[in-house]
């Protein structure tokens, strides 16, 4: 293989590699932007935070630790 042919092969390989890098980078940016949520239009009004009823603590069970001293309680209270 002559020097000229070898150079052509290297140039072709480098050109293909650069093309793959450019296409991959463009796809990465395009796909990342499509997954991001749309930006907000500014301050948005929301409904006020519901307040808990007066005796809400009595509606939840009291945590009782197990033999290892761990306790967990999950309490749901419907506000409306």
PDB file of N, CA and C in Angstrom:
ATOM      1  N   UNK A   1       0.851  -1.174   0.000  1.00  0.00           N
ATOM      2  CA  UNK A   1       0.000   0.000   0.000  1.00  0.00           C
ATOM      3  C   UNK A   1       0.898   1.239   0.000  1.00  0.00           C
ATOM      4  N   UNK A   2       0.608   2.146  -0.864  1.00  0.00           N
ATOM      5  CA  UNK A   2       1.446   3.344  -0.981  1.00  0.00           C
ATOM      6  C   UNK A   2       1.080   4.353   0.097  1.00  0.00           C
ATOM      7  N   UNK A   3       1.969   5.336   0.256  1.00  0.00           N
ATOM      8  CA  UNK A   3       1.726   6.397   1.234  1.00  0.00           C
ATOM      9  C   UNK A   3       0.455   7.169   0.914  1.00  0.00           C
ATOM     10  N   UNK A   4       0.194   7.403  -0.342  1.00  0.00           N
ATOM     11  CA  UNK A   4      -0.992   8.150  -0.745  1.00  0.00           C
ATOM     12  C   UNK A   4      -2.266   7.400  -0.363  1.00  0.00           C
ATOM     13  N   UNK A   5      -2.296   6.103  -0.606  1.00  0.00           N
ATOM     14  CA  UNK A   5      -3.463   5.290  -0.257  1.00  0.00           C
ATOM     15  C   UNK A   5      -3.649   5.224   1.258  1.00  0.00           C
ATOM     16  N   UNK A   6      -2.544   5.103   1.983  1.00  0.00           N
ATOM     17  CA  UNK A   6      -2.605   5.054   3.439  1.00  0.00           C
ATOM     18  C   UNK A   6      -3.169   6.364   3.998  1.00  0.00           C
ATOM     19  N   UNK A   7      -2.747   7.490   3.420  1.00  0.00           N
ATOM     20  CA  UNK A   7      -3.248   8.791   3.867  1.00  0.00           C
ATOM     21  C   UNK A   7      -4.747   8.924   3.601  1.00  0.00           C
ATOM     22  N   UNK A   8      -5.173   8.428   2.441  1.00  0.00           N
ATOM     23  CA  UNK A   8      -6.600   8.491   2.118  1.00  0.00           C
ATOM     24  C   UNK A   8      -7.427   7.683   3.116  1.00  0.00           C
ATOM     25  N   UNK A   9      -6.933   6.512   3.470  1.00  0.00           N
ATOM     26  CA  UNK A   9      -7.641   5.674   4.441  1.00  0.00           C
ATOM     27  C   UNK A   9      -7.722   6.385   5.790  1.00  0.00           C
ATOM     28  N   UNK A  10      -6.606   6.967   6.237  1.00  0.00           N
ATOM     29  CA  UNK A  10      -6.611   7.688   7.506  1.00  0.00           C
ATOM     30  C   UNK A  10      -7.546   8.886   7.462  1.00  0.00           C
ATOM     31  N   UNK A  11      -7.509   9.636   6.360  1.00  0.00           N
ATOM     32  CA  UNK A  11      -8.401  10.793   6.240  1.00  0.00           C
ATOM     33  C   UNK A  11      -9.859  10.350   6.270  1.00  0.00           C
ATOM     34  N   UNK A  12     -10.182   9.255   5.564  1.00  0.00           N
ATOM     35  CA  UNK A  12     -11.534   8.745   5.557  1.00  0.00           C
ATOM     36  C   UNK A  12     -11.952   8.317   6.968  1.00  0.00           C
ATOM     37  N   UNK A  13     -11.065   7.625   7.670  1.00  0.00           N
ATOM     38  CA  UNK A  13     -11.379   7.158   9.027  1.00  0.00           C
ATOM     39  C   UNK A  13     -11.589   8.345   9.976  1.00  0.00           C
ATOM     40  N   UNK A  14     -10.730   9.356   9.880  1.00  0.00           N
ATOM     41  CA  UNK A  14     -10.866  10.533  10.747  1.00  0.00           C
ATOM     42  C   UNK A  14     -12.150  11.285  10.409  1.00  0.00           C
ATOM     43  N   UNK A  15     -12.468  11.408   9.129  1.00  0.00           N
ATOM     44  CA  UNK A  15     -13.694  12.095   8.725  1.00  0.00           C
ATOM     45  C   UNK A  15     -14.929  11.356   9.237  1.00  0.00           C
ATOM     46  N   UNK A  16     -14.940  10.039   9.148  1.00  0.00           N
ATOM     47  CA  UNK A  16     -16.059   9.251   9.655  1.00  0.00           C
ATOM     48  C   UNK A  16     -16.186   9.394  11.174  1.00  0.00           C
ATOM     49  N   UNK A  17     -15.057   9.380  11.872  1.00  0.00           N
ATOM     50  CA  UNK A  17     -15.069   9.529  13.332  1.00  0.00           C
ATOM     51  C   UNK A  17     -15.605  10.907  13.714  1.00  0.00           C
ATOM     52  N   UNK A  18     -15.132  11.956  13.048  1.00  0.00           N
ATOM     53  CA  UNK A  18     -15.617  13.308  13.342  1.00  0.00           C
ATOM     54  C   UNK A  18     -17.114  13.425  13.034  1.00  0.00           C
ATOM     55  N   UNK A  19     -17.552  12.819  11.959  1.00  0.00           N
ATOM     56  CA  UNK A  19     -18.981  12.837  11.634  1.00  0.00           C
ATOM     57  C   UNK A  19     -19.809  12.154  12.707  1.00  0.00           C
ATOM     58  N   UNK A  20     -19.321  11.019  13.197  1.00  0.00           N
ATOM     59  CA  UNK A  20     -20.039  10.309  14.257  1.00  0.00           C
ATOM     60  C   UNK A  20     -20.090  11.143  15.535  1.00  0.00           C
ATOM     61  N   UNK A  21     -18.997  11.827  15.861  1.00  0.00           N
ATOM     62  CA  UNK A  21     -18.959  12.670  17.060  1.00  0.00           C
ATOM     63  C   UNK A  21     -19.948  13.823  16.931  1.00  0.00           C
ATOM     64  N   UNK A  22     -19.983  14.478  15.778  1.00  0.00           N
ATOM     65  CA  UNK A  22     -20.894  15.611  15.568  1.00  0.00           C
ATOM     66  C   UNK A  22     -22.353  15.147  15.617  1.00  0.00           C
ATOM     67  N   UNK A  23     -22.668  14.043  14.961  1.00  0.00           N
ATOM     68  CA  UNK A  23     -24.045  13.538  14.963  1.00  0.00           C
ATOM     69  C   UNK A  23     -24.449  13.104  16.372  1.00  0.00           C
ATOM     70  N   UNK A  24     -23.564  12.405  17.072  1.00  0.00           N
ATOM     71  CA  UNK A  24     -23.868  11.980  18.440  1.00  0.00           C
ATOM     72  C   UNK A  24     -24.072  13.159  19.379  1.00  0.00           C
ATOM     73  N   UNK A  25     -23.239  14.176  19.269  1.00  0.00           N
ATOM     74  CA  UNK A  25     -23.398  15.361  20.103  1.00  0.00           C
ATOM     75  C   UNK A  25     -24.692  16.095  19.806  1.00  0.00           C
ATOM     76  N   UNK A  26     -25.023  16.213  18.530  1.00  0.00           N
ATOM     77  CA  UNK A  26     -26.276  16.869  18.165  1.00  0.00           C
ATOM     78  C   UNK A  26     -27.488  16.111  18.673  1.00  0.00           C
ATOM     79  N   UNK A  27     -27.462  14.784  18.542  1.00  0.00           N
ATOM     80  CA  UNK A  27     -28.574  13.981  19.059  1.00  0.00           C
ATOM     81  C   UNK A  27     -28.688  14.090  20.569  1.00  0.00           C
ATOM     82  N   UNK A  28     -27.558  14.120  21.250  1.00  0.00           N
ATOM     83  CA  UNK A  28     -27.581  14.252  22.705  1.00  0.00           C
ATOM     84  C   UNK A  28     -28.239  15.559  23.113  1.00  0.00           C
ATOM     85  N   UNK A  29     -27.856  16.654  22.506  1.00  0.00           N
ATOM     86  CA  UNK A  29     -28.454  17.947  22.835  1.00  0.00           C
ATOM     87  C   UNK A  29     -29.937  17.987  22.477  1.00  0.00           C
ATOM     88  N   UNK A  30     -30.291  17.440  21.344  1.00  0.00           N
ATOM     89  CA  UNK A  30     -31.680  17.459  20.903  1.00  0.00           C
ATOM     90  C   UNK A  30     -32.560  16.630  21.834  1.00  0.00           C
ATOM     91  N   UNK A  31     -32.109  15.436  22.200  1.00  0.00           N
ATOM     92  CA  UNK A  31     -32.909  14.574  23.075  1.00  0.00           C
ATOM     93  C   UNK A  31     -32.981  15.129  24.488  1.00  0.00           C
ATOM     94  N   UNK A  32     -31.907  15.742  24.973  1.00  0.00           N
ATOM     95  CA  UNK A  32     -31.927  16.315  26.314  1.00  0.00           C
ATOM     96  C   UNK A  32     -32.927  17.458  26.389  1.00  0.00           C
ATOM     97  N   UNK A  33     -32.966  18.308  25.372  1.00  0.00           N
ATOM     98  CA  UNK A  33     -33.893  19.429  25.365  1.00  0.00           C
ATOM     99  C   UNK A  33     -35.338  18.968  25.256  1.00  0.00           C
ATOM    100  N   UNK A  34     -35.592  17.862  24.562  1.00  0.00           N
ATOM    101  CA  UNK A  34     -36.964  17.401  24.411  1.00  0.00           C
ATOM    102  C   UNK A  34     -37.494  16.800  25.706  1.00  0.00           C
ATOM    103  N   UNK A  35     -36.632  16.338  26.608  1.00  0.00           N
ATOM    104  CA  UNK A  35     -37.083  15.757  27.864  1.00  0.00           C
ATOM    105  C   UNK A  35     -37.310  16.791  28.953  1.00  0.00           C
ATOM    106  N   UNK A  36     -36.755  17.971  28.807  1.00  0.00           N
ATOM    107  CA  UNK A  36     -36.909  18.994  29.831  1.00  0.00           C
ATOM    108  C   UNK A  36     -38.322  19.550  29.795  1.00  0.00           C
ATOM    109  N   UNK A  37     -38.904  19.835  30.973  1.00  0.00           N
ATOM    110  CA  UNK A  37     -40.242  20.415  30.983  1.00  0.00           C
ATOM    111  C   UNK A  37     -40.218  21.839  30.438  1.00  0.00           C
ATOM    112  N   UNK A  38     -41.347  22.269  29.959  1.00  0.00           N
ATOM    113  CA  UNK A  38     -41.444  23.625  29.428  1.00  0.00           C
ATOM    114  C   UNK A  38     -41.210  24.634  30.552  1.00  0.00           C
ATOM    115  N   UNK A  39     -40.543  25.730  30.278  1.00  0.00           N
ATOM    116  CA  UNK A  39     -40.314  26.719  31.332  1.00  0.00           C
ATOM    117  C   UNK A  39     -41.623  27.346  31.763  1.00  0.00           C
ATOM    118  N   UNK A  40     -41.688  27.721  33.029  1.00  0.00           N
ATOM    119  CA  UNK A  40     -42.904  28.338  33.545  1.00  0.00           C
ATOM    120  C   UNK A  40     -43.044  29.748  32.977  1.00  0.00           C
ATOM    121  N   UNK A  41     -44.258  30.217  32.924  1.00  0.00           N
ATOM    122  CA  UNK A  41     -44.538  31.526  32.349  1.00  0.00           C
ATOM    123  C   UNK A  41     -44.347  32.634  33.371  1.00  0.00           C
ATOM    124  N   UNK A  42     -43.825  32.328  34.509  1.00  0.00           N
ATOM    125  CA  UNK A  42     -43.645  33.317  35.569  1.00  0.00           C
ATOM    126  C   UNK A  42     -44.273  32.788  36.842  1.00  0.00           C
ATOM    127  N   UNK A  43     -44.640  33.688  37.731  1.00  0.00           N
ATOM    128  CA  UNK A  43     -45.277  33.269  38.982  1.00  0.00           C
ATOM    129  C   UNK A  43     -46.665  32.742  38.674  1.00  0.00           C
ATOM    130  N   UNK A  44     -46.965  31.598  39.241  1.00  0.00           N
ATOM    131  CA  UNK A  44     -48.270  30.999  39.039  1.00  0.00           C
ATOM    132  C   UNK A  44     -49.013  30.960  40.366  1.00  0.00           C
ATOM    133  N   UNK A  45     -50.280  31.293  40.330  1.00  0.00           N
ATOM    134  CA  UNK A  45     -51.096  31.232  41.544  1.00  0.00           C
ATOM    135  C   UNK A  45     -51.496  29.779  41.782  1.00  0.00           C
ATOM    136  N   UNK A  46     -51.453  29.399  43.014  1.00  0.00           N
ATOM    137  CA  UNK A  46     -51.874  28.052  43.365  1.00  0.00           C
ATOM    138  C   UNK A  46     -52.909  28.140  44.480  1.00  0.00           C
ATOM    139  N   UNK A  47     -53.579  27.032  44.705  1.00  0.00           N
ATOM    140  CA  UNK A  47     -54.580  27.035  45.770  1.00  0.00           C
ATOM    141  C   UNK A  47     -53.864  27.105  47.118  1.00  0.00           C
ATOM    142  N   UNK A  48     -54.503  27.673  48.120  1.00  0.00           N
ATOM    143  CA  UNK A  48     -53.852  27.771  49.428  1.00  0.00           C
ATOM    144  C   UNK A  48     -53.613  26.392  50.032  1.00  0.00           C
ATOM    145  N   UNK A  49     -52.588  26.290  50.839  1.00  0.00           N
ATOM    146  CA  UNK A  49     -52.276  25.032  51.496  1.00  0.00           C
ATOM    147  C   UNK A  49     -53.375  24.694  52.495  1.00  0.00           C
ATOM    148  N   UNK A  50     -53.936  23.481  52.419  1.00  0.00           N
ATOM    149  CA  UNK A  50     -55.006  23.139  53.358  1.00  0.00           C
ATOM    150  C   UNK A  50     -54.465  23.038  54.781  1.00  0.00           C
ATOM    151  N   UNK A  51     -55.283  23.478  55.733  1.00  0.00           N
ATOM    152  CA  UNK A  51     -54.861  23.389  57.129  1.00  0.00           C
ATOM    153  C   UNK A  51     -55.345  22.064  57.712  1.00  0.00           C
ATOM    154  N   UNK A  52     -54.624  21.595  58.706  1.00  0.00           N
ATOM    155  CA  UNK A  52     -54.986  20.340  59.358  1.00  0.00           C
ATOM    156  C   UNK A  52     -56.105  20.578  60.367  1.00  0.00           C
ATOM    157  N   UNK A  53     -56.974  19.587  60.566  1.00  0.00           N
ATOM    158  CA  UNK A  53     -58.032  19.746  61.565  1.00  0.00           C
ATOM    159  C   UNK A  53     -57.434  19.842  62.974  1.00  0.00           C
ATOM    160  N   UNK A  54     -58.207  20.377  63.896  1.00  0.00           N
ATOM    161  CA  UNK A  54     -57.728  20.610  65.268  1.00  0.00           C
ATOM    162  C   UNK A  54     -57.171  19.350  65.939  1.00  0.00           C
ATOM    163  N   UNK A  55     -57.891  18.264  65.922  1.00  0.00           N
ATOM    164  CA  UNK A  55     -57.444  17.070  66.644  1.00  0.00           C
ATOM    165  C   UNK A  55     -56.711  16.075  65.775  1.00  0.00           C
ATOM    166  N   UNK A  56     -55.901  16.562  64.868  1.00  0.00           N
ATOM    167  CA  UNK A  56     -55.264  15.656  63.922  1.00  0.00           C
ATOM    168  C   UNK A  56     -54.302  14.696  64.591  1.00  0.00           C
ATOM    169  N   UNK A  57     -53.633  15.106  65.665  1.00  0.00           N
ATOM    170  CA  UNK A  57     -52.685  14.196  66.325  1.00  0.00           C
ATOM    171  C   UNK A  57     -53.400  12.999  66.949  1.00  0.00           C
ATOM    172  N   UNK A  58     -54.618  13.195  67.433  1.00  0.00           N
ATOM    173  CA  UNK A  58     -55.351  12.079  68.040  1.00  0.00           C
ATOM    174  C   UNK A  58     -55.853  11.113  66.974  1.00  0.00           C
ATOM    175  N   UNK A  59     -55.905  11.544  65.719  1.00  0.00           N
ATOM    176  CA  UNK A  59     -56.363  10.667  64.645  1.00  0.00           C
ATOM    177  C   UNK A  59     -55.255   9.745  64.145  1.00  0.00           C
ATOM    178  N   UNK A  60     -54.013  10.057  64.463  1.00  0.00           N
ATOM    179  CA  UNK A  60     -52.883   9.236  64.029  1.00  0.00           C
ATOM    180  C   UNK A  60     -52.476   8.283  65.146  1.00  0.00           C
ATOM    181  N   UNK A  61     -52.080   7.066  64.814  1.00  0.00           N
ATOM    182  CA  UNK A  61     -51.659   6.127  65.856  1.00  0.00           C
ATOM    183  C   UNK A  61     -50.352   6.569  66.519  1.00  0.00           C
ATOM    184  N   UNK A  62     -50.176   6.177  67.774  1.00  0.00           N
ATOM    185  CA  UNK A  62     -48.943   6.484  68.495  1.00  0.00           C
ATOM    186  C   UNK A  62     -47.892   5.455  68.097  1.00  0.00           C
ATOM    187  N   UNK A  63     -46.696   5.905  67.738  1.00  0.00           N
ATOM    188  CA  UNK A  63     -45.674   4.937  67.339  1.00  0.00           C
ATOM    189  C   UNK A  63     -45.224   4.076  68.520  1.00  0.00           C
ATOM    190  N   UNK A  64     -45.133   2.789  68.296  1.00  0.00           N
ATOM    191  CA  UNK A  64     -44.619   1.872  69.327  1.00  0.00           C
ATOM    192  C   UNK A  64     -43.367   1.216  68.765  1.00  0.00           C
ATOM    193  N   UNK A  65     -42.232   1.407  69.431  1.00  0.00           N
ATOM    194  CA  UNK A  65     -40.984   0.847  68.914  1.00  0.00           C
ATOM    195  C   UNK A  65     -40.993  -0.679  68.965  1.00  0.00           C
ATOM    196  N   UNK A  66     -40.306  -1.281  68.010  1.00  0.00           N
ATOM    197  CA  UNK A  66     -40.176  -2.732  68.002  1.00  0.00           C
ATOM    198  C   UNK A  66     -39.032  -3.152  68.920  1.00  0.00           C
ATOM    199  N   UNK A  67     -38.618  -4.405  68.852  1.00  0.00           N
ATOM    200  CA  UNK A  67     -37.579  -4.934  69.748  1.00  0.00           C
ATOM    201  C   UNK A  67     -36.243  -4.226  69.548  1.00  0.00           C
ATOM    202  N   UNK A  68     -35.995  -3.712  68.348  1.00  0.00           N
ATOM    203  CA  UNK A  68     -34.728  -3.038  68.081  1.00  0.00           C
ATOM    204  C   UNK A  68     -34.801  -1.533  68.335  1.00  0.00           C
ATOM    205  N   UNK A  69     -35.964  -1.043  68.742  1.00  0.00           N
ATOM    206  CA  UNK A  69     -36.100   0.378  69.048  1.00  0.00           C
ATOM    207  C   UNK A  69     -36.515   1.232  67.868  1.00  0.00           C
ATOM    208  N   UNK A  70     -36.918   0.603  66.749  1.00  0.00           N
ATOM    209  CA  UNK A  70     -37.345   1.352  65.567  1.00  0.00           C
ATOM    210  C   UNK A  70     -38.856   1.523  65.582  1.00  0.00           C
ATOM    211  N   UNK A  71     -39.301   2.695  65.177  1.00  0.00           N
ATOM    212  CA  UNK A  71     -40.740   2.957  65.079  1.00  0.00           C
ATOM    213  C   UNK A  71     -41.005   3.826  63.873  1.00  0.00           C
ATOM    214  N   UNK A  72     -42.113   3.534  63.193  1.00  0.00           N
ATOM    215  CA  UNK A  72     -42.509   4.346  62.054  1.00  0.00           C
ATOM    216  C   UNK A  72     -44.016   4.396  61.995  1.00  0.00           C
ATOM    217  N   UNK A  73     -44.547   5.558  61.659  1.00  0.00           N
ATOM    218  CA  UNK A  73     -45.982   5.744  61.537  1.00  0.00           C
ATOM    219  C   UNK A  73     -46.259   6.520  60.271  1.00  0.00           C
ATOM    220  N   UNK A  74     -47.253   6.091  59.535  1.00  0.00           N
ATOM    221  CA  UNK A  74     -47.685   6.808  58.351  1.00  0.00           C
ATOM    222  C   UNK A  74     -49.151   7.156  58.566  1.00  0.00           C
ATOM    223  N   UNK A  75     -49.462   8.429  58.544  1.00  0.00           N
ATOM    224  CA  UNK A  75     -50.802   8.888  58.850  1.00  0.00           C
ATOM    225  C   UNK A  75     -51.330   9.750  57.712  1.00  0.00           C
ATOM    226  N   UNK A  76     -52.477   9.378  57.158  1.00  0.00           N
ATOM    227  CA  UNK A  76     -53.116  10.158  56.106  1.00  0.00           C
ATOM    228  C   UNK A  76     -54.341  10.854  56.684  1.00  0.00           C
ATOM    229  N   UNK A  77     -54.467  12.149  56.428  1.00  0.00           N
ATOM    230  CA  UNK A  77     -55.626  12.901  56.886  1.00  0.00           C
ATOM    231  C   UNK A  77     -56.236  13.603  55.684  1.00  0.00           C
ATOM    232  N   UNK A  78     -57.499  13.348  55.462  1.00  0.00           N
ATOM    233  CA  UNK A  78     -58.195  13.993  54.353  1.00  0.00           C
ATOM    234  C   UNK A  78     -58.647  15.374  54.799  1.00  0.00           C
ATOM    235  N   UNK A  79     -58.277  16.386  54.032  1.00  0.00           N
ATOM    236  CA  UNK A  79     -58.604  17.754  54.428  1.00  0.00           C
ATOM    237  C   UNK A  79     -59.833  18.284  53.720  1.00  0.00           C
ATOM    238  N   UNK A  80     -60.273  17.674  52.690  1.00  0.00           N
ATOM    239  CA  UNK A  80     -61.488  18.126  51.979  1.00  0.00           C
ATOM    240  C   UNK A  80     -62.370  16.964  51.667  1.00  0.00           C
TER     241      UNK A  80
END
